[in-house]
Structure formats: structure tokens, C-alpha cells
Amino acid sequence: MRFGVCTGDINRFAIIKEAGYDYIEFPLVELVKMSDEAYAAFKAKVEEIGLPVESYNGFFGADLKLVGETVDYDAIAAYAEKGLSRAAALGGKVAVVGSGGARRIPDGEEYAVNFERFAKALAVCGEAAARHGMTIVVEPLNDKETNLVNSVEEGLRVSRAANHPAVKCLADFYHVFMSGESLDAVRGAGEMLAHVHLARANEDRAMPYAEDVPQCEEWAAALKACGYNARVSLEGNFLPSFEEAVVRCREIVKVFE
């Protein structure tokens, strides 16, 4: 198992390395926004620090829609190609499609039609991912953040509907908690589960404390039941400070090993 931390601040990369993590998870949308010059400087800094950026969250901004009548698959393909080509050059292996705003079904539109549109958009991203040796993972989000794919079970269904070998699913245990979902879908996910996000089972979405270890052990058992042995990224609020949280959690995440 490999453990990483989500951050969009390169000034925090050295802290994460010093704390003993294996990789960074960085927002893909920020990578895409960079000019060629800014990207080259970012890449040089990553190489200097010596910690790979293996995974990416924040795939799309809300402006590039993945559902709705105006969905533009050519634009999605071009965006994914630019972002994933850059990500792969930094050691990228996994890119997370959370992007609740981009996949929110417009009022009055049919669920089933937009489920299929989202699955097609994922397959388009999967084509770019496959070219660069990466995997796309769908992130189920609780219904306060979007109205499409709110559970691991639904994430597995849409990733299978995409029908592409480079499209799989993610389990974010904060969203599992917020959605009130059982761990049955995680236990039964098998090889379709390709990435994990971790924050404690509390609305504050903070990183786990010692008191949260029993809950983490339950989550770890569910992952073991489905044979998961890839990456776990800390994603949420780093309290009381970023450095204190990542140092504290490096010991706690050992329950997932």
C-alpha cells in the first residue's frame, strides 16, 4: 500500500516527504491552467523535491460539463489529453473525476440519459489515460456536492457502464460516511476499486485522530476484503495545522497496510 497527501500547494511537498509519505495528489485542473513555462518550472521543482505526483484530484472545473444537452466530448478529450500528458510526465498513475459541478444534472433533465452521458465522458477520458499509462477513477460524492453518483455502488455502475479498461472507481470514506452507505459495495468492488481517499467519519472532514483508529480499522478490513492494495490519499481538512495533521496521520494510516 502507498500513502499520499492531497495538496495544491507545492510549498507543502517537502513537508509531506519529510513525514514519510510516498506521493503527492495534486489538482489536475491547476496543472492544465499552467502555461508551458509555469509547467516546466513546476516539473523541475517536483524533480528537485524527489516525491512523485502519482495521483490527481480536481479533474475538471465546473465550466466544462460532463452531462447535459451541451456536453462537448471533443472538448473533454482535448482537456484530458493536455492534463494527463502533463500528469504522466510527473509520475502520474491515477486521476480522480470528482468534479461535482461538472457532472451535476441540470434541473428537469432525465437521470438515465445523463448517467449515460457521464459514462461516455469517462470513456473519453479513459482513452487519454490509456495512452499515458494512467487510470481514471470515478469519485462518488455525497448529495450535498452533486446529484449524480452519490455512492460507491453507483460509482461502480457508472465505471462499468463506461466499458473502458482504464476507467475504474474510487472509495472516499468521508463520502461513504456522509451518504450513510454500508461498506458492502467496497467489500465487493474487487479490481474495479483503484483508489481511496481518507478523512474521518465526521462532518468536519478532518484527518483522523487517535480516536478515529477503530473506524479506520473497519475501513481497512473492507479494503482487504476486496483485495485492495494500491493507494490511500489524505483528502480533506488538515487540523489543527497541515504539518501536524500529516505527521499525526502517517502513523494512523499504517492500519491500512
Protein backbone atom coordinates (compact mmCIF):
# COMPACT_ATOMS: atom_id res chain seq x y z
CA MET A 1 0.00 0.00 0.00
CA ARG A 2 1.17 3.52 -0.80
CA PHE A 3 0.14 6.61 1.14
CA GLY A 4 -0.11 10.17 -0.12
CA VAL A 5 -1.48 13.60 0.66
CA CYS A 6 -3.71 15.88 -1.42
CA THR A 7 -2.49 19.46 -1.79
CA GLY A 8 -2.39 22.17 -4.42
CA ASP A 9 0.48 23.96 -2.68
CA ILE A 10 3.94 22.96 -3.87
CA ASN A 11 5.41 24.59 -0.76
CA ARG A 12 3.92 21.72 1.22
CA PHE A 13 5.55 18.95 -0.84
CA ALA A 14 8.72 18.89 1.27
CA ILE A 15 6.65 18.61 4.48
CA ILE A 16 4.85 15.59 3.03
CA LYS A 17 8.12 13.96 2.01
CA GLU A 18 9.69 14.60 5.42
CA ALA A 19 6.67 13.00 7.11
CA GLY A 20 7.34 9.79 5.19
CA TYR A 21 4.60 9.66 2.55
CA ASP A 22 5.06 8.02 -0.84
CA TYR A 23 3.47 10.53 -3.22
CA ILE A 24 1.55 13.76 -3.76
CA GLU A 25 -2.03 14.11 -5.05
CA PHE A 26 -2.39 17.41 -6.94
CA PRO A 27 -5.37 19.13 -8.64
CA LEU A 28 -5.35 18.32 -12.35
CA VAL A 29 -7.26 21.50 -13.16
CA GLU A 30 -4.32 23.52 -11.78
CA LEU A 31 -1.89 21.55 -13.94
CA VAL A 32 -3.97 22.27 -17.05
CA LYS A 33 -4.11 26.01 -16.28
CA MET A 34 -0.33 26.35 -16.19
CA SER A 35 1.48 27.98 -19.09
CA ASP A 36 4.18 25.86 -20.69
CA GLU A 37 6.78 27.89 -18.81
CA ALA A 38 5.00 27.51 -15.47
CA TYR A 39 4.55 23.78 -16.04
CA ALA A 40 8.27 23.36 -16.83
CA ALA A 41 9.18 25.19 -13.61
CA PHE A 42 6.68 23.10 -11.63
CA LYS A 43 8.10 19.87 -13.09
CA ALA A 44 11.65 20.93 -12.26
CA LYS A 45 10.64 21.68 -8.66
CA VAL A 46 8.90 18.33 -8.30
CA GLU A 47 12.01 16.57 -9.55
CA GLU A 48 14.15 18.58 -7.15
CA ILE A 49 11.98 17.61 -4.18
CA GLY A 50 12.06 13.98 -5.26
CA LEU A 51 8.48 12.97 -4.42
CA PRO A 52 6.32 11.83 -7.35
CA VAL A 53 2.91 13.33 -8.08
CA GLU A 54 1.26 9.95 -8.62
CA SER A 55 -2.39 10.90 -8.33
CA TYR A 56 -4.59 13.84 -9.26
CA ASN A 57 -7.90 15.14 -7.94
CA GLY A 58 -9.89 18.15 -9.14
CA PHE A 59 -10.02 16.80 -12.70
CA PHE A 60 -12.49 19.32 -14.17
CA GLY A 61 -13.70 22.76 -13.23
CA ALA A 62 -17.45 23.39 -13.26
CA ASP A 63 -17.28 25.12 -16.66
CA LEU A 64 -16.60 22.00 -18.76
CA LYS A 65 -19.80 19.99 -18.44
CA LEU A 66 -19.85 16.19 -18.37
CA VAL A 67 -23.65 15.99 -18.56
CA GLY A 68 -26.49 18.00 -20.03
CA GLU A 69 -27.57 18.65 -23.60
CA THR A 70 -24.49 20.78 -24.39
CA VAL A 71 -21.84 18.23 -23.37
CA ASP A 72 -18.86 18.53 -25.75
CA TYR A 73 -16.91 15.28 -25.95
CA ASP A 74 -14.24 16.76 -28.23
CA ALA A 75 -13.52 19.46 -25.66
CA ILE A 76 -13.40 16.83 -22.91
CA ALA A 77 -10.95 14.76 -24.96
CA ALA A 78 -8.66 17.74 -25.61
CA TYR A 79 -8.70 18.76 -21.97
CA ALA A 80 -7.99 15.21 -20.76
CA GLU A 81 -5.13 14.82 -23.24
CA LYS A 82 -3.44 18.02 -22.10
CA GLY A 83 -3.87 17.30 -18.42
CA LEU A 84 -2.96 13.63 -18.44
CA SER A 85 0.07 14.05 -20.70
CA ARG A 86 1.44 16.55 -18.19
CA ALA A 87 0.42 14.39 -15.22
CA ALA A 88 2.10 11.28 -16.61
CA ALA A 89 5.38 13.16 -17.05
CA LEU A 90 5.33 13.87 -13.30
CA GLY A 91 4.85 10.21 -12.39
CA GLY A 92 1.06 10.22 -12.57
CA LYS A 93 -0.75 6.90 -12.27
CA VAL A 94 -4.33 7.79 -11.23
CA ALA A 95 -6.64 10.74 -11.98
CA VAL A 96 -9.83 11.27 -9.99
CA VAL A 97 -13.03 12.51 -11.60
CA GLY A 98 -14.93 14.04 -8.70
CA SER A 99 -15.87 17.39 -10.22
CA GLY A 100 -19.35 17.60 -8.72
CA GLY A 101 -20.25 20.82 -10.53
CA ALA A 102 -19.24 19.48 -13.92
CA ARG A 103 -21.42 16.40 -13.51
CA ARG A 104 -24.44 17.95 -11.82
CA ILE A 105 -27.57 17.06 -13.78
CA PRO A 106 -29.41 20.25 -14.82
CA ASP A 107 -32.84 20.78 -13.29
CA GLY A 108 -35.55 19.00 -15.23
CA GLU A 109 -33.20 16.68 -17.14
CA GLU A 110 -33.52 12.92 -17.03
CA TYR A 111 -31.21 10.91 -14.78
CA ALA A 112 -30.76 7.90 -17.08
CA VAL A 113 -29.77 9.98 -20.11
CA ASN A 114 -27.20 11.91 -18.10
CA PHE A 115 -25.88 8.77 -16.45
CA GLU A 116 -25.03 7.55 -19.95
CA ARG A 117 -23.53 10.91 -20.92
CA PHE A 118 -21.31 10.80 -17.86
CA ALA A 119 -20.26 7.23 -18.65
CA LYS A 120 -19.33 8.30 -22.20
CA ALA A 121 -17.32 11.25 -20.86
CA LEU A 122 -15.45 8.86 -18.57
CA ALA A 123 -14.67 6.59 -21.51
CA VAL A 124 -13.31 9.59 -23.45
CA CYS A 125 -11.04 10.38 -20.51
CA GLY A 126 -10.12 6.71 -20.32
CA GLU A 127 -8.78 6.84 -23.87
CA ALA A 128 -6.39 9.66 -22.92
CA ALA A 129 -5.44 7.90 -19.70
CA ALA A 130 -4.62 4.67 -21.51
CA ARG A 131 -2.31 6.50 -23.91
CA HIS A 132 -0.32 7.76 -20.94
CA GLY A 133 -0.30 4.68 -18.76
CA MET A 134 -2.81 6.09 -16.27
CA THR A 135 -6.20 5.13 -14.82
CA ILE A 136 -9.31 7.28 -14.43
CA VAL A 137 -11.27 6.75 -11.20
CA VAL A 138 -14.81 7.99 -10.56
CA GLU A 139 -15.27 9.57 -7.15
CA PRO A 140 -18.70 9.11 -5.57
CA LEU A 141 -19.67 12.36 -3.80
CA ASN A 142 -22.39 12.85 -1.20
CA ASP A 143 -25.60 14.53 -2.35
CA LYS A 144 -24.63 17.89 -0.83
CA GLU A 145 -21.97 18.15 -3.54
CA THR A 146 -23.66 16.74 -6.65
CA ASN A 147 -26.76 14.85 -7.79
CA LEU A 148 -25.06 12.12 -9.84
CA VAL A 149 -23.04 9.21 -8.43
CA ASN A 150 -23.54 9.57 -4.68
CA SER A 151 -22.43 6.11 -3.55
CA VAL A 152 -19.68 3.58 -4.22
CA GLU A 153 -22.34 1.26 -5.60
CA GLU A 154 -23.36 3.91 -8.15
CA GLY A 155 -19.71 4.68 -8.88
CA LEU A 156 -19.10 1.06 -9.72
CA ARG A 157 -22.13 1.01 -12.01
CA VAL A 158 -21.06 4.09 -13.99
CA SER A 159 -17.45 2.98 -14.24
CA ARG A 160 -18.61 -0.37 -15.62
CA ALA A 161 -21.01 1.42 -17.98
CA ALA A 162 -18.03 3.37 -19.37
CA ASN A 163 -16.78 -0.02 -20.58
CA HIS A 164 -13.14 1.03 -20.75
CA PRO A 165 -10.24 -0.80 -19.07
CA ALA A 166 -8.72 2.49 -17.89
CA VAL A 167 -11.90 3.60 -16.06
CA LYS A 168 -12.44 2.37 -12.52
CA CYS A 169 -13.88 3.57 -9.19
CA LEU A 170 -12.74 5.30 -6.01
CA ALA A 171 -13.92 4.98 -2.41
CA ASP A 172 -13.77 8.16 -0.32
CA PHE A 173 -14.62 7.13 3.21
CA TYR A 174 -15.77 10.62 4.18
CA HIS A 175 -18.40 10.49 1.42
CA VAL A 176 -19.31 6.91 2.39
CA PHE A 177 -19.99 8.24 5.90
CA MET A 178 -21.90 11.31 4.70
CA SER A 179 -24.06 9.21 2.38
CA GLY A 180 -24.83 6.63 5.06
CA GLU A 181 -23.68 3.87 2.73
CA SER A 182 -22.72 0.45 4.08
CA LEU A 183 -19.30 -0.97 3.26
CA ASP A 184 -20.79 -3.81 1.20
CA ALA A 185 -20.00 -2.13 -2.13
CA VAL A 186 -16.38 -1.60 -1.06
CA ARG A 187 -16.04 -5.20 0.06
CA GLY A 188 -17.40 -6.44 -3.25
CA ALA A 189 -15.64 -3.99 -5.58
CA GLY A 190 -12.73 -6.25 -6.46
CA GLU A 191 -10.41 -4.95 -9.18
CA MET A 192 -12.81 -2.12 -10.05
CA LEU A 193 -11.65 -0.24 -6.94
CA ALA A 194 -8.48 1.62 -7.94
CA HIS A 195 -8.03 4.50 -5.47
CA VAL A 196 -9.01 5.60 -1.95
CA HIS A 197 -9.48 8.97 -0.22
CA LEU A 198 -9.40 9.25 3.53
CA ALA A 199 -10.85 11.71 6.04
CA ARG A 200 -12.50 10.86 9.32
CA ALA A 201 -16.19 9.97 9.74
CA ASN A 202 -17.23 13.42 10.87
CA GLU A 203 -18.79 16.42 9.13
CA ASP A 204 -15.62 18.43 9.85
CA ARG A 205 -13.85 16.27 7.23
CA ALA A 206 -10.66 16.46 9.27
CA MET A 207 -7.82 13.98 9.07
CA PRO A 208 -8.15 11.10 11.53
CA TYR A 209 -7.16 11.44 15.18
CA ALA A 210 -6.27 8.59 17.55
CA GLU A 211 -9.96 8.31 18.48
CA ASP A 212 -10.76 7.51 14.82
CA VAL A 213 -8.46 4.48 14.61
CA PRO A 214 -11.24 1.91 15.26
CA GLN A 215 -13.25 3.38 12.34
CA CYS A 216 -10.13 3.32 10.15
CA GLU A 217 -9.59 -0.33 11.08
CA GLU A 218 -13.13 -1.12 9.91
CA TRP A 219 -12.48 0.65 6.62
CA ALA A 220 -9.15 -1.15 6.25
CA ALA A 221 -10.86 -4.51 6.75
CA ALA A 222 -13.33 -3.67 3.96
CA LEU A 223 -10.44 -2.84 1.62
CA LYS A 224 -8.66 -6.06 2.50
CA ALA A 225 -11.88 -8.00 1.81
CA CYS A 226 -11.91 -6.75 -1.78
CA GLY A 227 -8.17 -7.31 -2.25
CA TYR A 228 -7.28 -3.61 -2.47
CA ASN A 229 -3.57 -2.82 -2.22
CA ALA A 230 -2.94 0.40 -4.14
CA ARG A 231 -3.02 4.00 -2.79
CA VAL A 232 -4.68 5.84 0.08
CA SER A 233 -4.64 9.66 -0.08
CA LEU A 234 -5.45 12.04 2.76
CA GLU A 235 -8.05 14.48 1.39
CA GLY A 236 -9.95 16.99 3.49
CA ASN A 237 -9.20 19.45 6.27
CA PHE A 238 -5.80 19.35 7.90
CA LEU A 239 -6.38 20.33 11.54
CA PRO A 240 -5.12 21.92 13.68
CA SER A 241 -2.39 22.61 11.10
CA PHE A 242 -1.26 20.98 7.87
CA GLU A 243 2.07 19.79 9.22
CA GLU A 244 0.66 18.46 12.48
CA ALA A 245 -2.09 16.57 10.67
CA VAL A 246 0.17 14.86 8.12
CA VAL A 247 2.69 13.87 10.79
CA ARG A 248 -0.08 12.50 13.07
CA CYS A 249 -1.73 10.56 10.26
CA ARG A 250 1.40 8.88 8.97
CA GLU A 251 1.20 6.54 11.96
CA ILE A 252 -2.59 6.17 11.80
CA VAL A 253 -2.63 5.10 8.14
CA LYS A 254 -0.48 2.10 8.99
CA VAL A 255 -3.73 0.30 9.87
CA PHE A 256 -4.32 0.09 6.10
CA GLU A 257 -1.08 -1.77 5.39
